[in-house]
N, C-alpha and C. Protein backbone atom coordinates (compact mmCIF):
# COMPACT_ATOMS: atom_id res chain seq x y z
N MET A 1 0.89 -0.88 0.14
CA MET A 1 -0.24 0.64 -0.04
C MET A 1 0.77 0.81 0.28
N ILE A 2 0.77 2.30 -0.41
CA ILE A 2 1.23 3.54 -0.57
C ILE A 2 0.55 4.51 -0.25
N GLU A 3 1.81 5.32 0.88
CA GLU A 3 0.98 6.66 1.70
C GLU A 3 1.61 7.50 1.00
N ILE A 4 0.58 9.03 0.79
CA ILE A 4 2.20 9.22 0.54
C ILE A 4 0.86 10.81 1.37
N SER A 5 2.58 11.37 1.92
CA SER A 5 2.22 12.87 3.21
C SER A 5 3.02 13.59 2.75
N PHE A 6 3.40 14.93 3.73
CA PHE A 6 4.18 16.14 3.26
C PHE A 6 5.52 15.38 4.28
N TYR A 7 6.79 16.04 3.03
CA TYR A 7 8.06 15.62 3.94
C TYR A 7 8.42 15.91 5.17
N ARG A 8 9.23 15.18 6.03
CA ARG A 8 9.51 14.32 7.49
C ARG A 8 10.84 14.74 7.40
N GLU A 9 11.79 15.12 8.12
CA GLU A 9 12.81 14.21 8.63
C GLU A 9 13.31 12.57 8.24
N GLU A 10 12.47 12.67 8.72
CA GLU A 10 12.99 10.11 8.79
C GLU A 10 12.68 10.26 7.21
N ASP A 11 12.22 11.42 6.19
CA ASP A 11 12.36 10.60 5.08
C ASP A 11 14.05 11.46 3.82
N ARG A 12 15.30 12.18 4.77
CA ARG A 12 16.31 12.32 4.03
C ARG A 12 16.82 11.23 4.20
N PRO A 13 17.13 10.07 4.24
CA PRO A 13 18.40 9.29 3.49
C PRO A 13 17.45 8.86 2.16
N GLY A 14 16.27 8.37 2.90
CA GLY A 14 15.48 7.91 1.44
C GLY A 14 15.60 9.01 0.35
N LEU A 15 14.75 9.89 0.96
CA LEU A 15 14.98 10.71 -0.38
C LEU A 15 16.43 11.85 -0.54
N GLU A 16 17.15 10.60 -0.91
CA GLU A 16 18.90 11.59 -1.24
C GLU A 16 18.79 10.99 -2.51
N GLU A 17 18.40 9.15 -1.86
CA GLU A 17 18.95 8.02 -2.35
C GLU A 17 18.39 7.65 -3.50
N LEU A 18 17.21 7.95 -3.81
CA LEU A 18 15.80 7.94 -4.51
C LEU A 18 16.50 9.45 -6.26
N TYR A 19 16.63 10.75 -4.66
CA TYR A 19 17.92 11.84 -6.08
C TYR A 19 18.95 11.27 -6.91
N ARG A 20 19.88 10.81 -6.04
CA ARG A 20 21.06 10.30 -6.56
C ARG A 20 21.29 9.18 -8.41
N HIS A 21 20.17 8.52 -8.29
CA HIS A 21 19.96 7.69 -9.07
C HIS A 21 18.90 8.30 -10.68
N TRP A 22 18.18 10.00 -10.04
CA TRP A 22 17.42 10.49 -11.16
C TRP A 22 18.47 10.98 -12.54
N ASP A 23 19.78 11.73 -11.82
CA ASP A 23 20.25 12.40 -13.08
C ASP A 23 21.70 11.54 -12.56
N ARG A 24 21.96 10.71 -12.95
CA ARG A 24 23.15 10.18 -13.37
C ARG A 24 24.57 11.08 -14.12
N ASP A 25 23.43 11.09 -14.83
CA ASP A 25 24.85 12.23 -15.84
C ASP A 25 25.39 13.37 -14.69
N ARG A 26 24.60 13.55 -13.20
CA ARG A 26 25.81 14.93 -12.43
C ARG A 26 25.86 13.91 -10.92
N ASP A 27 27.16 15.28 -11.05
CA ASP A 27 27.64 14.02 -9.86
C ASP A 27 26.33 14.50 -8.24
N PHE A 28 26.36 13.73 -7.17
CA PHE A 28 25.45 13.34 -6.41
C PHE A 28 26.51 15.41 -5.10
N ASP A 29 25.73 15.89 -4.45
CA ASP A 29 26.37 16.89 -3.92
C ASP A 29 25.34 16.84 -2.34
N ARG A 30 25.94 16.17 -1.61
CA ARG A 30 25.05 15.71 -0.87
C ARG A 30 24.35 17.49 0.19
N THR A 31 26.01 17.72 0.27
CA THR A 31 25.66 19.30 0.88
C THR A 31 24.63 19.57 0.82
N LEU A 32 25.29 19.90 -0.78
CA LEU A 32 23.84 21.61 -1.77
C LEU A 32 22.45 20.34 -1.46
N PHE A 33 21.26 19.20 -1.60
CA PHE A 33 20.89 18.47 -2.11
C PHE A 33 19.73 19.19 0.07
N ARG A 34 21.02 18.80 0.73
CA ARG A 34 20.26 18.64 1.97
C ARG A 34 19.76 21.18 2.16
N GLU A 35 20.46 21.32 1.32
CA GLU A 35 20.57 22.88 1.85
C GLU A 35 18.76 23.09 0.89
N THR A 36 18.77 22.47 -0.14
CA THR A 36 17.77 22.40 -0.83
C THR A 36 17.06 22.17 0.00
N LEU A 37 16.87 21.34 0.78
CA LEU A 37 15.90 20.13 1.46
C LEU A 37 15.08 21.67 1.92
N ASP A 38 16.25 22.49 2.49
CA ASP A 38 15.85 22.42 3.35
C ASP A 38 15.55 23.65 3.67
N GLU A 39 15.65 24.69 2.49
CA GLU A 39 14.66 25.53 1.80
C GLU A 39 13.65 25.69 1.12
N ILE A 40 13.53 23.98 0.76
CA ILE A 40 11.88 24.23 -0.03
C ILE A 40 10.90 24.82 1.04
N SER A 41 11.71 24.44 2.64
CA SER A 41 10.39 23.87 3.33
C SER A 41 9.57 25.37 4.06
N ARG A 42 11.11 26.34 3.50
CA ARG A 42 10.94 27.69 4.23
C ARG A 42 10.75 28.57 3.40
N ASP A 43 10.16 28.38 2.28
CA ASP A 43 9.35 29.18 1.22
C ASP A 43 8.37 28.90 0.72
N GLY A 44 7.46 27.86 1.49
CA GLY A 44 6.30 28.03 1.43
C GLY A 44 6.02 26.35 0.40
N GLY A 45 7.36 26.16 0.00
CA GLY A 45 6.95 24.80 -1.24
C GLY A 45 6.95 23.89 -0.63
N ALA A 46 6.23 22.37 -1.67
CA ALA A 46 5.70 21.41 -0.85
C ALA A 46 6.69 19.88 -1.11
N LEU A 47 6.90 19.45 -0.53
CA LEU A 47 7.56 18.72 -1.56
C LEU A 47 6.84 17.25 -0.30
N LEU A 48 6.10 16.45 -1.65
CA LEU A 48 5.05 15.29 -0.90
C LEU A 48 5.73 14.23 -1.28
N VAL A 49 6.16 13.01 -1.05
CA VAL A 49 6.63 12.06 -0.54
C VAL A 49 6.25 10.80 -0.26
N ALA A 50 5.52 9.58 -1.71
CA ALA A 50 4.77 8.89 -1.28
C ALA A 50 6.25 6.95 -0.92
N ARG A 51 5.26 7.12 0.26
CA ARG A 51 6.19 5.38 1.14
C ARG A 51 5.10 4.69 0.64
N ARG A 52 6.18 3.44 0.07
CA ARG A 52 5.61 1.98 0.61
C ARG A 52 6.87 1.00 0.94
N ASP A 53 5.99 0.68 2.34
CA ASP A 53 6.26 -0.22 3.55
C ASP A 53 7.54 0.98 4.20
N GLY A 54 6.79 1.94 4.05
CA GLY A 54 8.29 3.05 5.08
C GLY A 54 8.63 3.60 4.54
N ALA A 55 9.49 3.03 3.28
CA ALA A 55 10.48 3.37 2.55
C ALA A 55 10.06 4.19 1.22
N CYS A 56 10.99 5.30 0.72
CA CYS A 56 10.63 6.03 0.10
C CYS A 56 10.61 5.88 -1.43
N VAL A 57 9.55 5.71 -2.15
CA VAL A 57 9.67 5.33 -3.62
C VAL A 57 9.01 6.19 -4.70
N GLY A 58 9.07 7.67 -4.11
CA GLY A 58 8.53 8.85 -5.03
C GLY A 58 8.23 9.79 -4.13
N TYR A 59 8.71 10.75 -5.05
CA TYR A 59 8.11 12.63 -4.30
C TYR A 59 8.44 13.65 -5.25
N ALA A 60 7.29 14.55 -5.45
CA ALA A 60 6.68 15.68 -5.91
C ALA A 60 7.19 16.96 -4.76
N HIS A 61 7.90 17.65 -6.10
CA HIS A 61 7.88 19.16 -5.74
C HIS A 61 7.50 20.06 -5.90
N LEU A 62 6.92 20.59 -5.31
CA LEU A 62 5.37 21.76 -5.40
C LEU A 62 6.31 23.44 -4.66
N ALA A 63 6.06 24.17 -6.37
CA ALA A 63 6.25 25.72 -5.76
C ALA A 63 5.04 26.54 -6.19
N ARG A 64 4.70 27.85 -5.29
CA ARG A 64 4.32 28.97 -6.22
C ARG A 64 4.48 29.28 -6.24
N VAL A 65 4.86 29.98 -7.82
CA VAL A 65 4.78 30.93 -8.68
C VAL A 65 4.66 32.55 -8.69
N VAL A 66 5.34 33.74 -8.10
CA VAL A 66 4.08 34.80 -9.38
C VAL A 66 5.75 35.07 -9.87
N HIS A 67 4.57 35.76 -10.91
CA HIS A 67 5.48 36.76 -12.46
C HIS A 67 4.61 37.78 -12.24
N LEU A 68 5.35 39.17 -12.42
CA LEU A 68 5.35 40.03 -12.40
C LEU A 68 3.93 39.95 -13.69
N GLY A 69 2.50 40.56 -13.42
CA GLY A 69 1.53 40.64 -14.64
C GLY A 69 0.91 39.40 -14.74
N LEU A 70 1.14 38.26 -14.40
CA LEU A 70 0.58 37.15 -14.95
C LEU A 70 0.05 36.86 -13.61
N GLU A 71 -1.05 35.65 -14.02
CA GLU A 71 -1.84 35.44 -12.90
C GLU A 71 -0.76 34.65 -12.53
N PRO A 72 -1.00 33.91 -10.35
CA PRO A 72 -0.07 32.97 -10.28
C PRO A 72 -0.60 32.05 -10.33
N TYR A 73 0.68 30.79 -10.39
CA TYR A 73 0.80 29.16 -10.80
C TYR A 73 0.92 28.62 -9.94
N TRP A 74 1.29 27.13 -9.78
CA TRP A 74 1.66 26.59 -8.85
C TRP A 74 2.58 25.72 -9.36
N GLU A 75 3.64 25.42 -9.53
CA GLU A 75 4.49 24.47 -11.10
C GLU A 75 5.37 23.06 -10.30
N VAL A 76 4.51 21.98 -10.56
CA VAL A 76 5.12 20.56 -10.39
C VAL A 76 6.63 20.92 -11.09
N MET A 77 7.78 21.48 -10.04
CA MET A 77 9.11 21.46 -10.13
C MET A 77 9.45 20.33 -10.09
N GLN A 78 9.65 19.26 -9.88
CA GLN A 78 10.17 17.17 -9.84
C GLN A 78 8.92 16.65 -8.84
N LEU A 79 9.08 15.45 -10.00
CA LEU A 79 7.97 14.05 -9.59
C LEU A 79 9.06 13.60 -9.85
N LEU A 80 9.02 12.42 -9.92
CA LEU A 80 10.63 11.68 -9.54
C LEU A 80 9.65 9.98 -8.67
N VAL A 81 9.77 8.82 -9.55
CA VAL A 81 9.07 7.77 -9.26
C VAL A 81 10.32 6.92 -9.11
N SER A 82 11.14 5.89 -8.47
CA SER A 82 11.47 5.20 -8.20
C SER A 82 11.31 4.43 -9.86
N ASP A 83 12.54 3.65 -10.26
CA ASP A 83 12.46 3.05 -11.27
C ASP A 83 11.75 1.55 -11.77
N GLU A 84 12.16 1.29 -9.92
CA GLU A 84 11.58 -0.47 -10.19
C GLU A 84 9.70 -0.02 -9.50
N CYS A 85 9.58 1.36 -9.58
CA CYS A 85 7.68 0.74 -9.39
C CYS A 85 7.58 1.81 -10.10
N ARG A 86 8.14 2.15 -10.88
CA ARG A 86 7.30 2.87 -12.20
C ARG A 86 6.14 1.91 -12.63
N GLY A 87 5.13 2.45 -12.99
CA GLY A 87 4.19 1.86 -14.15
C GLY A 87 3.31 1.05 -13.00
N GLU A 88 3.25 1.63 -11.55
CA GLU A 88 2.70 0.86 -10.25
C GLU A 88 1.43 1.67 -10.45
N GLY A 89 1.68 3.12 -10.67
CA GLY A 89 0.31 4.13 -10.18
C GLY A 89 0.62 5.25 -8.77
N ILE A 90 2.21 4.91 -8.79
CA ILE A 90 2.67 6.05 -7.73
C ILE A 90 2.68 7.96 -8.23
N GLY A 91 3.14 7.40 -9.23
CA GLY A 91 3.40 8.96 -9.88
C GLY A 91 1.49 9.57 -9.74
N SER A 92 0.63 8.86 -10.83
CA SER A 92 -0.48 8.85 -10.75
C SER A 92 -0.95 9.63 -9.15
N ALA A 93 -0.75 8.63 -7.70
CA ALA A 93 -1.24 9.18 -6.41
C ALA A 93 -0.54 10.20 -6.25
N LEU A 94 0.59 10.46 -6.16
CA LEU A 94 1.28 11.28 -6.68
C LEU A 94 0.90 12.64 -7.12
N MET A 95 0.07 12.79 -8.39
CA MET A 95 -0.42 14.18 -9.24
C MET A 95 -1.43 14.42 -9.03
N GLY A 96 -2.33 12.93 -8.73
CA GLY A 96 -3.50 13.04 -7.32
C GLY A 96 -3.82 14.63 -5.81
N GLU A 97 -2.88 13.97 -5.40
CA GLU A 97 -2.16 14.29 -3.73
C GLU A 97 -1.70 16.04 -4.88
N ALA A 98 -1.00 16.48 -5.36
CA ALA A 98 -0.19 17.39 -5.32
C ALA A 98 -1.69 18.64 -6.17
N GLU A 99 -2.18 17.62 -6.93
CA GLU A 99 -3.20 19.04 -6.91
C GLU A 99 -4.69 19.58 -6.36
N ARG A 100 -4.90 18.25 -4.52
CA ARG A 100 -5.36 18.72 -4.59
C ARG A 100 -5.13 19.73 -3.14
N VAL A 101 -3.52 19.79 -3.27
CA VAL A 101 -2.85 20.22 -2.16
C VAL A 101 -2.54 21.41 -3.33
N ILE A 102 -3.04 21.81 -4.50
CA ILE A 102 -2.71 22.99 -4.73
C ILE A 102 -4.15 23.59 -4.00
N ARG A 103 -5.00 22.76 -4.46
CA ARG A 103 -6.45 23.63 -4.33
C ARG A 103 -6.34 24.19 -3.09
N GLU A 104 -6.57 23.33 -2.13
CA GLU A 104 -6.59 23.69 -0.97
C GLU A 104 -5.87 25.00 -0.53
N ARG A 105 -4.62 24.91 -1.18
CA ARG A 105 -3.55 26.69 -0.80
C ARG A 105 -4.45 27.74 -1.85
N GLY A 106 -5.56 27.04 -2.37
CA GLY A 106 -6.19 28.46 -3.11
C GLY A 106 -5.04 28.01 -4.47
N GLY A 107 -4.54 27.71 -5.22
CA GLY A 107 -3.93 27.63 -6.28
C GLY A 107 -5.38 27.30 -7.80
N ARG A 108 -5.16 27.98 -9.04
CA ARG A 108 -6.19 27.34 -10.37
C ARG A 108 -5.54 27.14 -11.28
N VAL A 109 -4.64 27.16 -10.79
CA VAL A 109 -3.17 26.77 -12.63
C VAL A 109 -2.13 26.50 -12.33
N VAL A 110 -1.79 25.11 -12.30
CA VAL A 110 -0.62 24.00 -12.23
C VAL A 110 0.12 23.78 -13.19
N LYS A 111 1.73 24.65 -13.87
CA LYS A 111 2.11 24.28 -14.48
C LYS A 111 2.81 23.08 -14.31
N LEU A 112 3.64 22.46 -15.65
CA LEU A 112 4.87 22.15 -15.29
C LEU A 112 6.23 21.65 -15.86
N SER A 113 7.14 21.43 -16.09
CA SER A 113 8.08 21.53 -17.89
C SER A 113 8.93 19.76 -17.89
N SER A 114 8.57 19.26 -19.33
CA SER A 114 9.08 17.72 -18.78
C SER A 114 9.87 17.83 -19.93
N GLN A 115 11.84 17.13 -19.81
CA GLN A 115 12.47 16.91 -21.03
C GLN A 115 12.09 16.57 -22.41
N LEU A 116 12.34 17.21 -24.05
CA LEU A 116 11.72 16.84 -25.27
C LEU A 116 12.15 15.58 -25.15
N HIS A 117 12.53 14.39 -24.38
CA HIS A 117 13.53 13.05 -24.66
C HIS A 117 12.43 12.54 -23.57
N ARG A 118 11.64 12.77 -23.43
CA ARG A 118 11.12 11.55 -21.74
C ARG A 118 9.07 12.11 -22.52
N SER A 119 9.23 10.70 -23.24
CA SER A 119 7.51 10.69 -24.31
C SER A 119 7.15 10.20 -23.71
N ARG A 120 8.11 9.25 -22.78
CA ARG A 120 6.78 8.63 -21.38
C ARG A 120 6.05 9.52 -20.75
N ALA A 121 6.96 10.38 -20.24
CA ALA A 121 5.69 11.48 -18.98
C ALA A 121 5.29 12.80 -19.47
N HIS A 122 5.71 12.91 -21.41
CA HIS A 122 4.23 13.33 -21.22
C HIS A 122 3.34 12.67 -21.95
N VAL A 123 3.39 11.44 -22.71
CA VAL A 123 2.35 10.85 -22.67
C VAL A 123 1.36 10.70 -20.62
N PHE A 124 1.91 10.85 -20.15
CA PHE A 124 1.36 10.26 -18.87
C PHE A 124 0.86 11.82 -18.09
N TYR A 125 1.29 12.66 -18.62
CA TYR A 125 0.69 14.17 -18.51
C TYR A 125 -0.51 14.56 -18.56
N GLU A 126 -0.24 14.22 -20.43
CA GLU A 126 -1.37 14.53 -21.13
C GLU A 126 -3.01 13.54 -20.99
N GLU A 127 -2.30 12.08 -20.47
CA GLU A 127 -3.07 12.23 -19.83
C GLU A 127 -4.32 11.74 -18.04
N ARG A 128 -3.65 12.99 -18.03
CA ARG A 128 -3.97 13.92 -17.12
C ARG A 128 -4.69 14.57 -16.63
N GLY A 129 -5.06 15.31 -18.25
CA GLY A 129 -5.17 16.15 -19.08
C GLY A 129 -4.90 18.10 -18.67
N TYR A 130 -3.10 17.25 -18.97
CA TYR A 130 -2.44 18.34 -18.83
C TYR A 130 -2.75 18.84 -20.51
N THR A 131 -1.64 20.08 -20.97
CA THR A 131 -1.56 20.55 -21.92
C THR A 131 -0.64 21.03 -23.00
N LEU A 132 0.44 20.88 -22.68
CA LEU A 132 1.12 21.99 -24.05
C LEU A 132 1.02 23.10 -24.11
N TYR A 133 0.85 24.16 -23.80
CA TYR A 133 1.30 25.45 -24.20
C TYR A 133 2.05 26.05 -24.56
N LYS A 134 2.96 25.76 -24.32
CA LYS A 134 4.39 26.32 -25.16
C LYS A 134 5.38 25.47 -25.29
N LEU A 135 6.35 25.97 -25.81
CA LEU A 135 7.83 25.08 -25.65
C LEU A 135 8.62 26.12 -25.62
N SER A 136 10.38 25.97 -25.33
CA SER A 136 11.15 26.68 -24.52
C SER A 136 12.33 27.08 -24.76
N LYS A 137 13.46 26.77 -24.45
CA LYS A 137 14.76 27.34 -24.84
C LYS A 137 15.56 27.19 -23.40
N PHE A 138 15.64 26.86 -22.39
CA PHE A 138 16.32 27.23 -21.40
C PHE A 138 17.68 27.82 -21.13
N TYR A 139 18.56 28.36 -20.80
CA TYR A 139 19.37 29.31 -20.75
C TYR A 139 19.85 29.65 -18.76
N GLN A 140 21.41 29.33 -18.57
CA GLN A 140 21.70 30.29 -18.17
C GLN A 140 23.07 30.36 -18.20
N LYS A 141 23.43 31.57 -16.80
CA LYS A 141 24.84 31.32 -16.35
C LYS A 141 25.32 31.36 -16.26
N ARG A 142 26.09 30.43 -15.78
CA ARG A 142 26.98 31.36 -13.92
C ARG A 142 28.11 32.06 -13.28
N LEU A 143 27.76 32.56 -12.46
CA LEU A 143 27.66 33.75 -12.13
C LEU A 143 29.50 33.89 -10.72
N ASP A 144 29.51 32.89 -10.50
CA ASP A 144 30.80 32.51 -10.39
C ASP A 144 32.09 33.68 -10.29
C-alpha cells in the first residue's frame, strides 16, 4: 500500500537515494541536496513523499510561482518515482495529491515542464489533462 504525505525528517535518507539515481549524469552533492531540501520548506513550497512499507519510492516538489503581470500558479518542479516502481500508479497518486494540496492552498493553475526526450512522461501528463502550451529553450549563466 502506498502512503503519500508531506516530507518528514526521517524521509531524508530515502529521498537522497532516490535523487542520487535520478540524474546519473550529474555528481550528487549531498550538502547542496540538504540545503535545498531545507529551503523548500522555508519558502512555502511543498514536498510530497510516496512511501511503500516506510520506504521512499517517489516524491513531488511543488512551488508557488508569481510573475509580474501574470496570474500566480503552482509548478510541479520535480516528480520522481523510483525505477523499480514505475507503472504501478505511484506517479498518478502523487499528481492527484499534488493537485489536491494546490487547490487547498488556493491554486487554480498548475504548470510543469518535461524534457523533450521523456516521451513516456509526456503521455503520462497528457492522460491527466495537462496540455502543451509552449516550447522554450532554457539558458543559464554561472555568476561565479
